[in-house]
């Protein structure tokens, strides 16, 4: 693959700013297989993923990589087709959420996918008097559910057959259809799942652009920007695709203060965050609480890891 083509792909996936800057500064190159993973997971939206994958199929040389691209394209297109298909005894469960107000969870049922989209317009029209508007933090998910054997609310929660995620402007991010991935046919959801086998299980060899004990921020489609501390792994640990992060919050700050005089443990707050979702942060550019909590966490973690 030509380097110019490589740069085009990197510029069109939603990986972190810090990772993109490292790639540019150091001319770091991921493998073609790794790029397929990035496009599939971090493409800007559904249409962008399809467009990029189709284009990649014409420029990669590896037969293996082309095969992976075919798997991804076949799944994405078939999943959308089955998800959108109207069927008796199925409903579409629309979930509206604003990342700025995570406590607000609105759900609406429709018989068709179009009906679910129409409900979004009706939702904002209904609440226009309180100036409720779609923002860049608005997220939608639509779950297709079978109600064929519905007898109770418990059945409803267990009858999900597929899901679509959308951003502002009803822009589809991805479509999933679980039968295509053989979900429910095996214990852990990975056996005979072509997407897991060919795409999601690709191991990413991330460069070391995030240092231990760094102040970072992380975010993705469903997670609003959050600050955190990078906890170092042991020296004999195998390199991981995810970082061990302690997110900064009032709750962890309270526990960190108590940890200094008791056996309370801040590690219960940890999250595993993929490198591609993480950006390095200049401590001089954050608010005072974030600075104070970060310094306290760093002190507590260093003390506990030294024992």
C-alpha atoms as a PDB file:
ATOM      1  CA  UNK A   1       0.000   0.000   0.000  1.00  0.00           C
ATOM      2  CA  UNK A   2       1.305   3.435  -0.879  1.00  0.00           C
ATOM      3  CA  UNK A   3       2.005   5.677   2.105  1.00  0.00           C
ATOM      4  CA  UNK A   4      -0.403   8.309   0.752  1.00  0.00           C
ATOM      5  CA  UNK A   5      -3.182   5.701   0.773  1.00  0.00           C
ATOM      6  CA  UNK A   6      -2.216   4.708   4.306  1.00  0.00           C
ATOM      7  CA  UNK A   7      -2.490   8.326   5.461  1.00  0.00           C
ATOM      8  CA  UNK A   8      -5.897   8.674   3.784  1.00  0.00           C
ATOM      9  CA  UNK A   9      -7.214   5.715   5.771  1.00  0.00           C
ATOM     10  CA  UNK A  10      -5.777   6.999   9.064  1.00  0.00           C
ATOM     11  CA  UNK A  11      -7.337  10.425   8.444  1.00  0.00           C
ATOM     12  CA  UNK A  12     -10.747   8.836   7.919  1.00  0.00           C
ATOM     13  CA  UNK A  13     -11.008   6.780  11.099  1.00  0.00           C
ATOM     14  CA  UNK A  14     -11.986   8.109  14.518  1.00  0.00           C
ATOM     15  CA  UNK A  15      -8.868   7.139  16.472  1.00  0.00           C
ATOM     16  CA  UNK A  16      -7.421   9.496  19.061  1.00  0.00           C
ATOM     17  CA  UNK A  17      -5.662  12.729  18.176  1.00  0.00           C
ATOM     18  CA  UNK A  18      -2.553  11.680  20.109  1.00  0.00           C
ATOM     19  CA  UNK A  19      -2.267   8.407  18.203  1.00  0.00           C
ATOM     20  CA  UNK A  20      -2.672  10.207  14.869  1.00  0.00           C
ATOM     21  CA  UNK A  21      -0.002  12.741  15.873  1.00  0.00           C
ATOM     22  CA  UNK A  22       2.389   9.939  16.848  1.00  0.00           C
ATOM     23  CA  UNK A  23       1.794   8.191  13.520  1.00  0.00           C
ATOM     24  CA  UNK A  24       2.476  11.391  11.585  1.00  0.00           C
ATOM     25  CA  UNK A  25       5.549  12.405  13.586  1.00  0.00           C
ATOM     26  CA  UNK A  26       7.170   8.971  13.545  1.00  0.00           C
ATOM     27  CA  UNK A  27       5.871   7.650  10.193  1.00  0.00           C
ATOM     28  CA  UNK A  28       4.504   4.719  12.147  1.00  0.00           C
ATOM     29  CA  UNK A  29       2.689   2.167  10.002  1.00  0.00           C
ATOM     30  CA  UNK A  30       0.117  -0.388  11.023  1.00  0.00           C
ATOM     31  CA  UNK A  31      -0.269  -3.532   8.947  1.00  0.00           C
ATOM     32  CA  UNK A  32      -2.980  -3.772   6.297  1.00  0.00           C
ATOM     33  CA  UNK A  33      -4.912  -6.191   8.529  1.00  0.00           C
ATOM     34  CA  UNK A  34      -4.756  -3.720  11.400  1.00  0.00           C
ATOM     35  CA  UNK A  35      -6.103  -1.008   9.105  1.00  0.00           C
ATOM     36  CA  UNK A  36      -9.113  -3.180   8.276  1.00  0.00           C
ATOM     37  CA  UNK A  37      -9.781  -3.465  12.017  1.00  0.00           C
ATOM     38  CA  UNK A  38      -9.579   0.311  12.420  1.00  0.00           C
ATOM     39  CA  UNK A  39     -11.946   0.965   9.520  1.00  0.00           C
ATOM     40  CA  UNK A  40     -14.438  -1.635  10.764  1.00  0.00           C
ATOM     41  CA  UNK A  41     -14.415  -0.368  14.353  1.00  0.00           C
ATOM     42  CA  UNK A  42     -13.493   3.312  14.039  1.00  0.00           C
ATOM     43  CA  UNK A  43     -14.854   4.349  10.659  1.00  0.00           C
ATOM     44  CA  UNK A  44     -16.650   7.693  10.901  1.00  0.00           C
ATOM     45  CA  UNK A  45     -20.025   6.146  10.099  1.00  0.00           C
ATOM     46  CA  UNK A  46     -21.577   3.132   8.382  1.00  0.00           C
ATOM     47  CA  UNK A  47     -21.360   4.527   4.846  1.00  0.00           C
ATOM     48  CA  UNK A  48     -17.767   5.616   5.392  1.00  0.00           C
ATOM     49  CA  UNK A  49     -16.856   2.094   6.536  1.00  0.00           C
ATOM     50  CA  UNK A  50     -18.394   0.563   3.422  1.00  0.00           C
ATOM     51  CA  UNK A  51     -16.700   3.092   1.138  1.00  0.00           C
ATOM     52  CA  UNK A  52     -13.266   2.711   2.744  1.00  0.00           C
ATOM     53  CA  UNK A  53     -13.412  -1.086   2.825  1.00  0.00           C
ATOM     54  CA  UNK A  54     -14.430  -1.244  -0.838  1.00  0.00           C
ATOM     55  CA  UNK A  55     -11.579   1.090  -1.741  1.00  0.00           C
ATOM     56  CA  UNK A  56      -9.079  -0.874   0.365  1.00  0.00           C
ATOM     57  CA  UNK A  57     -10.038  -4.062  -1.440  1.00  0.00           C
ATOM     58  CA  UNK A  58      -8.654  -2.506  -4.642  1.00  0.00           C
ATOM     59  CA  UNK A  59      -5.308  -1.369  -3.224  1.00  0.00           C
ATOM     60  CA  UNK A  60      -4.147  -4.085  -0.804  1.00  0.00           C
ATOM     61  CA  UNK A  61      -1.900  -6.800  -2.179  1.00  0.00           C
ATOM     62  CA  UNK A  62      -2.354  -9.519   0.430  1.00  0.00           C
ATOM     63  CA  UNK A  63      -4.885 -12.238  -0.372  1.00  0.00           C
ATOM     64  CA  UNK A  64      -5.440 -12.672   3.370  1.00  0.00           C
ATOM     65  CA  UNK A  65      -6.279  -8.989   3.833  1.00  0.00           C
ATOM     66  CA  UNK A  66      -8.692  -8.996   0.887  1.00  0.00           C
ATOM     67  CA  UNK A  67     -10.426 -12.011   2.418  1.00  0.00           C
ATOM     68  CA  UNK A  68     -10.814 -10.162   5.727  1.00  0.00           C
ATOM     69  CA  UNK A  69     -12.266  -7.163   3.882  1.00  0.00           C
ATOM     70  CA  UNK A  70     -14.770  -9.408   2.100  1.00  0.00           C
ATOM     71  CA  UNK A  71     -15.871 -10.855   5.456  1.00  0.00           C
ATOM     72  CA  UNK A  72     -16.375  -7.376   6.906  1.00  0.00           C
ATOM     73  CA  UNK A  73     -18.254  -6.070   3.874  1.00  0.00           C
ATOM     74  CA  UNK A  74     -20.517  -9.100   3.611  1.00  0.00           C
ATOM     75  CA  UNK A  75     -21.407  -8.875   7.275  1.00  0.00           C
ATOM     76  CA  UNK A  76     -22.057  -5.123   7.309  1.00  0.00           C
ATOM     77  CA  UNK A  77     -24.253  -5.200   4.213  1.00  0.00           C
ATOM     78  CA  UNK A  78     -26.191  -8.330   5.219  1.00  0.00           C
ATOM     79  CA  UNK A  79     -26.642  -7.109   8.791  1.00  0.00           C
ATOM     80  CA  UNK A  80     -28.159  -3.854   7.533  1.00  0.00           C
ATOM     81  CA  UNK A  81     -30.425  -5.699   5.101  1.00  0.00           C
ATOM     82  CA  UNK A  82     -31.791  -8.075   7.756  1.00  0.00           C
ATOM     83  CA  UNK A  83     -32.074  -5.379  10.373  1.00  0.00           C
ATOM     84  CA  UNK A  84     -34.082  -3.054   8.131  1.00  0.00           C
ATOM     85  CA  UNK A  85     -36.325  -5.820   6.773  1.00  0.00           C
ATOM     86  CA  UNK A  86     -39.910  -5.568   8.003  1.00  0.00           C
ATOM     87  CA  UNK A  87     -41.122  -8.757   9.659  1.00  0.00           C
ATOM     88  CA  UNK A  88     -44.285  -9.659  11.515  1.00  0.00           C
ATOM     89  CA  UNK A  89     -43.817 -10.185  15.256  1.00  0.00           C
ATOM     90  CA  UNK A  90     -40.816  -7.866  15.435  1.00  0.00           C
ATOM     91  CA  UNK A  91     -40.579  -4.343  16.842  1.00  0.00           C
ATOM     92  CA  UNK A  92     -37.928  -1.622  16.825  1.00  0.00           C
ATOM     93  CA  UNK A  93     -36.970  -0.278  20.253  1.00  0.00           C
ATOM     94  CA  UNK A  94     -35.601   3.274  19.924  1.00  0.00           C
ATOM     95  CA  UNK A  95     -33.351   4.516  22.720  1.00  0.00           C
ATOM     96  CA  UNK A  96     -32.528   8.249  22.829  1.00  0.00           C
ATOM     97  CA  UNK A  97     -29.688   9.444  25.031  1.00  0.00           C
ATOM     98  CA  UNK A  98     -27.649  12.609  25.475  1.00  0.00           C
ATOM     99  CA  UNK A  99     -24.125  11.992  26.799  1.00  0.00           C
ATOM    100  CA  UNK A 100     -24.388  15.243  28.768  1.00  0.00           C
ATOM    101  CA  UNK A 101     -27.394  13.829  30.645  1.00  0.00           C
ATOM    102  CA  UNK A 102     -26.735  10.078  31.032  1.00  0.00           C
ATOM    103  CA  UNK A 103     -29.597   9.699  33.500  1.00  0.00           C
ATOM    104  CA  UNK A 104     -32.144  10.484  30.787  1.00  0.00           C
ATOM    105  CA  UNK A 105     -33.124   7.329  28.916  1.00  0.00           C
ATOM    106  CA  UNK A 106     -36.054   7.552  26.536  1.00  0.00           C
ATOM    107  CA  UNK A 107     -37.425   4.404  24.843  1.00  0.00           C
ATOM    108  CA  UNK A 108     -40.050   4.220  22.101  1.00  0.00           C
ATOM    109  CA  UNK A 109     -41.422   1.220  20.193  1.00  0.00           C
ATOM    110  CA  UNK A 110     -42.228   1.146  16.478  1.00  0.00           C
ATOM    111  CA  UNK A 111     -43.272  -1.535  14.003  1.00  0.00           C
ATOM    112  CA  UNK A 112     -40.754  -0.399  11.379  1.00  0.00           C
ATOM    113  CA  UNK A 113     -37.297   1.164  11.299  1.00  0.00           C
ATOM    114  CA  UNK A 114     -38.739   4.185   9.492  1.00  0.00           C
ATOM    115  CA  UNK A 115     -41.263   4.514  12.285  1.00  0.00           C
ATOM    116  CA  UNK A 116     -38.398   4.637  14.787  1.00  0.00           C
ATOM    117  CA  UNK A 117     -36.723   7.404  12.775  1.00  0.00           C
ATOM    118  CA  UNK A 118     -39.995   9.355  12.623  1.00  0.00           C
ATOM    119  CA  UNK A 119     -40.241   9.106  16.405  1.00  0.00           C
ATOM    120  CA  UNK A 120     -36.948  10.976  16.724  1.00  0.00           C
ATOM    121  CA  UNK A 121     -38.473  13.948  14.900  1.00  0.00           C
ATOM    122  CA  UNK A 122     -41.620  13.678  17.010  1.00  0.00           C
ATOM    123  CA  UNK A 123     -39.550  13.566  20.207  1.00  0.00           C
ATOM    124  CA  UNK A 124     -37.795  16.857  19.552  1.00  0.00           C
ATOM    125  CA  UNK A 125     -40.991  18.461  18.271  1.00  0.00           C
ATOM    126  CA  UNK A 126     -42.823  17.448  21.459  1.00  0.00           C
ATOM    127  CA  UNK A 127     -40.134  18.965  23.686  1.00  0.00           C
ATOM    128  CA  UNK A 128     -39.486  22.098  21.628  1.00  0.00           C
ATOM    129  CA  UNK A 129     -41.139  24.297  24.282  1.00  0.00           C
ATOM    130  CA  UNK A 130     -38.302  23.509  26.694  1.00  0.00           C
ATOM    131  CA  UNK A 131     -35.751  24.027  23.909  1.00  0.00           C
ATOM    132  CA  UNK A 132     -34.627  20.413  23.882  1.00  0.00           C
ATOM    133  CA  UNK A 133     -32.506  20.016  20.776  1.00  0.00           C
ATOM    134  CA  UNK A 134     -30.243  17.464  19.175  1.00  0.00           C
ATOM    135  CA  UNK A 135     -26.553  18.191  19.879  1.00  0.00           C
ATOM    136  CA  UNK A 136     -23.239  16.561  19.022  1.00  0.00           C
ATOM    137  CA  UNK A 137     -23.669  14.597  22.254  1.00  0.00           C
ATOM    138  CA  UNK A 138     -26.989  13.028  21.167  1.00  0.00           C
ATOM    139  CA  UNK A 139     -26.931   9.290  20.546  1.00  0.00           C
ATOM    140  CA  UNK A 140     -29.544   6.845  19.294  1.00  0.00           C
ATOM    141  CA  UNK A 141     -29.675   3.080  19.330  1.00  0.00           C
ATOM    142  CA  UNK A 142     -32.400   1.015  17.708  1.00  0.00           C
ATOM    143  CA  UNK A 143     -32.812  -2.591  18.821  1.00  0.00           C
ATOM    144  CA  UNK A 144     -34.807  -5.032  16.714  1.00  0.00           C
ATOM    145  CA  UNK A 145     -36.721  -7.391  18.994  1.00  0.00           C
ATOM    146  CA  UNK A 146     -38.825 -10.479  18.441  1.00  0.00           C
ATOM    147  CA  UNK A 147     -42.183 -10.467  20.203  1.00  0.00           C
ATOM    148  CA  UNK A 148     -43.371 -13.744  18.729  1.00  0.00           C
ATOM    149  CA  UNK A 149     -43.169 -15.625  22.016  1.00  0.00           C
ATOM    150  CA  UNK A 150     -43.520 -12.604  24.260  1.00  0.00           C
ATOM    151  CA  UNK A 151     -45.248 -13.406  27.552  1.00  0.00           C
ATOM    152  CA  UNK A 152     -43.592 -11.035  30.026  1.00  0.00           C
ATOM    153  CA  UNK A 153     -41.231  -8.083  30.297  1.00  0.00           C
ATOM    154  CA  UNK A 154     -38.373 -10.543  30.963  1.00  0.00           C
ATOM    155  CA  UNK A 155     -38.932 -12.096  27.530  1.00  0.00           C
ATOM    156  CA  UNK A 156     -38.713  -8.655  25.929  1.00  0.00           C
ATOM    157  CA  UNK A 157     -35.205  -8.063  27.277  1.00  0.00           C
ATOM    158  CA  UNK A 158     -34.040 -11.433  25.968  1.00  0.00           C
ATOM    159  CA  UNK A 159     -35.474 -11.178  22.451  1.00  0.00           C
ATOM    160  CA  UNK A 160     -32.932  -8.855  20.833  1.00  0.00           C
ATOM    161  CA  UNK A 161     -31.994  -9.955  17.303  1.00  0.00           C
ATOM    162  CA  UNK A 162     -30.011  -6.951  16.092  1.00  0.00           C
ATOM    163  CA  UNK A 163     -28.985  -3.375  16.770  1.00  0.00           C
ATOM    164  CA  UNK A 164     -28.234  -0.143  14.937  1.00  0.00           C
ATOM    165  CA  UNK A 165     -26.323   2.777  16.444  1.00  0.00           C
ATOM    166  CA  UNK A 166     -26.819   6.307  15.152  1.00  0.00           C
ATOM    167  CA  UNK A 167     -25.337   9.707  15.865  1.00  0.00           C
ATOM    168  CA  UNK A 168     -26.608  13.257  15.365  1.00  0.00           C
ATOM    169  CA  UNK A 169     -28.610  13.695  12.188  1.00  0.00           C
ATOM    170  CA  UNK A 170     -29.671  10.038  12.372  1.00  0.00           C
ATOM    171  CA  UNK A 171     -26.311   9.094  10.876  1.00  0.00           C
ATOM    172  CA  UNK A 172     -25.941   5.322  11.136  1.00  0.00           C
ATOM    173  CA  UNK A 173     -22.678   4.216  12.713  1.00  0.00           C
ATOM    174  CA  UNK A 174     -23.090   0.460  12.443  1.00  0.00           C
ATOM    175  CA  UNK A 175     -25.583  -2.372  12.055  1.00  0.00           C
ATOM    176  CA  UNK A 176     -25.388  -5.705  13.851  1.00  0.00           C
ATOM    177  CA  UNK A 177     -27.479  -8.825  13.394  1.00  0.00           C
ATOM    178  CA  UNK A 178     -26.665 -11.472  15.958  1.00  0.00           C
ATOM    179  CA  UNK A 179     -27.761 -14.568  14.002  1.00  0.00           C
ATOM    180  CA  UNK A 180     -25.071 -13.788  11.424  1.00  0.00           C
ATOM    181  CA  UNK A 181     -22.526 -14.009  14.227  1.00  0.00           C
ATOM    182  CA  UNK A 182     -23.979 -17.233  15.660  1.00  0.00           C
ATOM    183  CA  UNK A 183     -24.699 -15.535  18.976  1.00  0.00           C
ATOM    184  CA  UNK A 184     -26.642 -17.805  21.281  1.00  0.00           C
ATOM    185  CA  UNK A 185     -25.240 -20.915  19.623  1.00  0.00           C
ATOM    186  CA  UNK A 186     -22.121 -21.052  21.792  1.00  0.00           C
ATOM    187  CA  UNK A 187     -21.105 -20.222  25.330  1.00  0.00           C
ATOM    188  CA  UNK A 188     -18.899 -17.143  24.901  1.00  0.00           C
ATOM    189  CA  UNK A 189     -20.176 -15.734  21.615  1.00  0.00           C
ATOM    190  CA  UNK A 190     -16.953 -16.223  19.662  1.00  0.00           C
ATOM    191  CA  UNK A 191     -17.178 -19.735  18.165  1.00  0.00           C
ATOM    192  CA  UNK A 192     -18.123 -19.686  14.487  1.00  0.00           C
ATOM    193  CA  UNK A 193     -18.429 -15.894  14.558  1.00  0.00           C
ATOM    194  CA  UNK A 194     -16.821 -14.726  11.288  1.00  0.00           C
ATOM    195  CA  UNK A 195     -16.482 -11.113  12.426  1.00  0.00           C
ATOM    196  CA  UNK A 196     -14.710 -12.084  15.639  1.00  0.00           C
ATOM    197  CA  UNK A 197     -12.528 -14.647  13.871  1.00  0.00           C
ATOM    198  CA  UNK A 198     -11.480 -12.482  10.922  1.00  0.00           C
ATOM    199  CA  UNK A 199     -11.754  -8.901  12.153  1.00  0.00           C
ATOM    200  CA  UNK A 200     -12.291  -8.243  15.853  1.00  0.00           C
ATOM    201  CA  UNK A 201      -9.616 -10.724  16.974  1.00  0.00           C
ATOM    202  CA  UNK A 202      -6.881  -8.972  14.977  1.00  0.00           C
ATOM    203  CA  UNK A 203      -4.145  -8.069  17.464  1.00  0.00           C
ATOM    204  CA  UNK A 204      -3.136  -4.425  17.177  1.00  0.00           C
ATOM    205  CA  UNK A 205       0.534  -3.606  17.718  1.00  0.00           C
ATOM    206  CA  UNK A 206       0.087  -0.128  19.165  1.00  0.00           C
ATOM    207  CA  UNK A 207       3.131   2.141  19.464  1.00  0.00           C
ATOM    208  CA  UNK A 208       4.117   3.289  22.926  1.00  0.00           C
ATOM    209  CA  UNK A 209       2.608   6.760  22.654  1.00  0.00           C
ATOM    210  CA  UNK A 210       1.069   6.733  26.152  1.00  0.00           C
ATOM    211  CA  UNK A 211       3.413   6.614  29.150  1.00  0.00           C
ATOM    212  CA  UNK A 212       2.766   5.029  32.550  1.00  0.00           C
ATOM    213  CA  UNK A 213       1.175   7.395  35.087  1.00  0.00           C
ATOM    214  CA  UNK A 214       0.187   9.803  32.297  1.00  0.00           C
ATOM    215  CA  UNK A 215      -2.833  12.056  32.579  1.00  0.00           C
ATOM    216  CA  UNK A 216      -5.028  11.074  29.649  1.00  0.00           C
ATOM    217  CA  UNK A 217      -8.537  11.519  28.341  1.00  0.00           C
ATOM    218  CA  UNK A 218     -10.631   8.824  26.718  1.00  0.00           C
ATOM    219  CA  UNK A 219     -13.861   8.845  24.793  1.00  0.00           C
ATOM    220  CA  UNK A 220     -15.737   6.941  22.130  1.00  0.00           C
ATOM    221  CA  UNK A 221     -19.162   6.964  20.516  1.00  0.00           C
ATOM    222  CA  UNK A 222     -20.989   6.140  23.769  1.00  0.00           C
ATOM    223  CA  UNK A 223     -18.544   7.595  26.324  1.00  0.00           C
ATOM    224  CA  UNK A 224     -18.202  11.317  26.876  1.00  0.00           C
ATOM    225  CA  UNK A 225     -14.662  12.649  27.289  1.00  0.00           C
ATOM    226  CA  UNK A 226     -13.309  11.496  30.643  1.00  0.00           C
ATOM    227  CA  UNK A 227      -9.919  12.142  32.259  1.00  0.00           C
ATOM    228  CA  UNK A 228      -7.904   9.373  33.833  1.00  0.00           C
ATOM    229  CA  UNK A 229      -4.571   8.018  35.072  1.00  0.00           C
ATOM    230  CA  UNK A 230      -2.658   5.284  33.217  1.00  0.00           C
ATOM    231  CA  UNK A 231      -1.752   2.488  35.629  1.00  0.00           C
ATOM    232  CA  UNK A 232       1.453   0.649  34.640  1.00  0.00           C
ATOM    233  CA  UNK A 233       1.354  -3.066  33.994  1.00  0.00           C
ATOM    234  CA  UNK A 234       4.020  -5.334  35.439  1.00  0.00           C
ATOM    235  CA  UNK A 235       7.277  -5.511  33.501  1.00  0.00           C
ATOM    236  CA  UNK A 236       6.641  -9.122  32.469  1.00  0.00           C
ATOM    237  CA  UNK A 237       3.140  -8.433  31.150  1.00  0.00           C
ATOM    238  CA  UNK A 238       2.352  -9.183  27.524  1.00  0.00           C
ATOM    239  CA  UNK A 239       1.629  -5.956  25.561  1.00  0.00           C
ATOM    240  CA  UNK A 240      -2.102  -5.345  25.588  1.00  0.00           C
ATOM    241  CA  UNK A 241      -4.431  -3.641  23.128  1.00  0.00           C
ATOM    242  CA  UNK A 242      -6.089  -1.957  26.103  1.00  0.00           C
ATOM    243  CA  UNK A 243      -4.753   0.348  28.795  1.00  0.00           C
ATOM    244  CA  UNK A 244      -5.573  -0.015  32.500  1.00  0.00           C
ATOM    245  CA  UNK A 245      -7.137   3.334  33.417  1.00  0.00           C
ATOM    246  CA  UNK A 246      -8.388   4.872  36.639  1.00  0.00           C
ATOM    247  CA  UNK A 247     -11.046   7.420  35.590  1.00  0.00           C
ATOM    248  CA  UNK A 248     -11.054  10.705  37.469  1.00  0.00           C
ATOM    249  CA  UNK A 249     -14.280  11.390  39.366  1.00  0.00           C
ATOM    250  CA  UNK A 250     -15.533  12.688  42.693  1.00  0.00           C
ATOM    251  CA  UNK A 251     -16.182   9.103  43.793  1.00  0.00           C
ATOM    252  CA  UNK A 252     -12.652   7.848  43.170  1.00  0.00           C
ATOM    253  CA  UNK A 253     -11.232  11.022  44.733  1.00  0.00           C
ATOM    254  CA  UNK A 254     -13.078  10.261  47.978  1.00  0.00           C
ATOM    255  CA  UNK A 255     -11.841   6.670  48.025  1.00  0.00           C
ATOM    256  CA  UNK A 256      -8.277   7.765  47.196  1.00  0.00           C
ATOM    257  CA  UNK A 257      -8.303  10.088  50.212  1.00  0.00           C
ATOM    258  CA  UNK A 258      -9.552   7.288  52.472  1.00  0.00           C
ATOM    259  CA  UNK A 259      -7.094   4.779  50.968  1.00  0.00           C
ATOM    260  CA  UNK A 260      -4.218   6.670  52.580  1.00  0.00           C
ATOM    261  CA  UNK A 261      -5.531   5.800  56.046  1.00  0.00           C
ATOM    262  CA  UNK A 262      -7.398   2.536  55.435  1.00  0.00           C
ATOM    263  CA  UNK A 263      -7.489  -0.558  53.230  1.00  0.00           C
ATOM    264  CA  UNK A 264      -9.867   0.946  50.666  1.00  0.00           C
ATOM    265  CA  UNK A 265      -8.768   0.312  47.095  1.00  0.00           C
ATOM    266  CA  UNK A 266      -8.998   2.677  44.135  1.00  0.00           C
ATOM    267  CA  UNK A 267      -8.419  -0.158  41.661  1.00  0.00           C
ATOM    268  CA  UNK A 268     -12.063  -1.154  41.862  1.00  0.00           C
ATOM    269  CA  UNK A 269     -12.803   1.859  39.645  1.00  0.00           C
ATOM    270  CA  UNK A 270     -10.491   0.737  36.834  1.00  0.00           C
ATOM    271  CA  UNK A 271     -11.542   0.495  33.202  1.00  0.00           C
ATOM    272  CA  UNK A 272      -9.890  -1.231  30.248  1.00  0.00           C
ATOM    273  CA  UNK A 273      -9.690   1.316  27.424  1.00  0.00           C
ATOM    274  CA  UNK A 274      -8.306   0.650  23.959  1.00  0.00           C
ATOM    275  CA  UNK A 275      -5.288   2.749  22.972  1.00  0.00           C
ATOM    276  CA  UNK A 276      -7.156   4.159  19.982  1.00  0.00           C
ATOM    277  CA  UNK A 277      -9.637   5.859  22.360  1.00  0.00           C
ATOM    278  CA  UNK A 278      -6.927   7.532  24.469  1.00  0.00           C
ATOM    279  CA  UNK A 279      -5.365  10.982  24.107  1.00  0.00           C
ATOM    280  CA  UNK A 280      -2.519  12.465  26.147  1.00  0.00           C
ATOM    281  CA  UNK A 281      -3.409  15.575  28.146  1.00  0.00           C
ATOM    282  CA  UNK A 282      -1.347  18.573  29.255  1.00  0.00           C
ATOM    283  CA  UNK A 283      -1.982  18.929  32.987  1.00  0.00           C
ATOM    284  CA  UNK A 284      -1.779  22.722  32.692  1.00  0.00           C
ATOM    285  CA  UNK A 285      -4.865  22.688  30.478  1.00  0.00           C
ATOM    286  CA  UNK A 286      -7.280  20.961  32.888  1.00  0.00           C
ATOM    287  CA  UNK A 287      -9.372  22.260  35.791  1.00  0.00           C
ATOM    288  CA  UNK A 288      -8.103  22.314  39.375  1.00  0.00           C
ATOM    289  CA  UNK A 289     -10.142  19.312  40.540  1.00  0.00           C
ATOM    290  CA  UNK A 290      -8.757  17.144  37.721  1.00  0.00           C
ATOM    291  CA  UNK A 291      -5.200  18.203  38.621  1.00  0.00           C
ATOM    292  CA  UNK A 292      -5.718  17.488  42.313  1.00  0.00           C
ATOM    293  CA  UNK A 293      -7.412  14.129  41.745  1.00  0.00           C
ATOM    294  CA  UNK A 294      -4.740  13.066  39.240  1.00  0.00           C
ATOM    295  CA  UNK A 295      -1.880  13.888  41.612  1.00  0.00           C
ATOM    296  CA  UNK A 296      -3.616  12.088  44.480  1.00  0.00           C
ATOM    297  CA  UNK A 297      -4.284   8.996  42.369  1.00  0.00           C
ATOM    298  CA  UNK A 298      -0.699   8.929  41.144  1.00  0.00           C
ATOM    299  CA  UNK A 299       0.572   9.075  44.719  1.00  0.00           C
ATOM    300  CA  UNK A 300      -1.805   6.340  45.915  1.00  0.00           C
ATOM    301  CA  UNK A 301      -1.118   4.011  42.960  1.00  0.00           C
ATOM    302  CA  UNK A 302       2.683   4.372  43.256  1.00  0.00           C
ATOM    303  CA  UNK A 303       2.447   3.639  46.963  1.00  0.00           C
ATOM    304  CA  UNK A 304       0.264   0.551  46.474  1.00  0.00           C
ATOM    305  CA  UNK A 305       2.322  -0.846  43.586  1.00  0.00           C
ATOM    306  CA  UNK A 306       5.538  -0.450  45.598  1.00  0.00           C
ATOM    307  CA  UNK A 307       4.270  -2.844  48.300  1.00  0.00           C
END
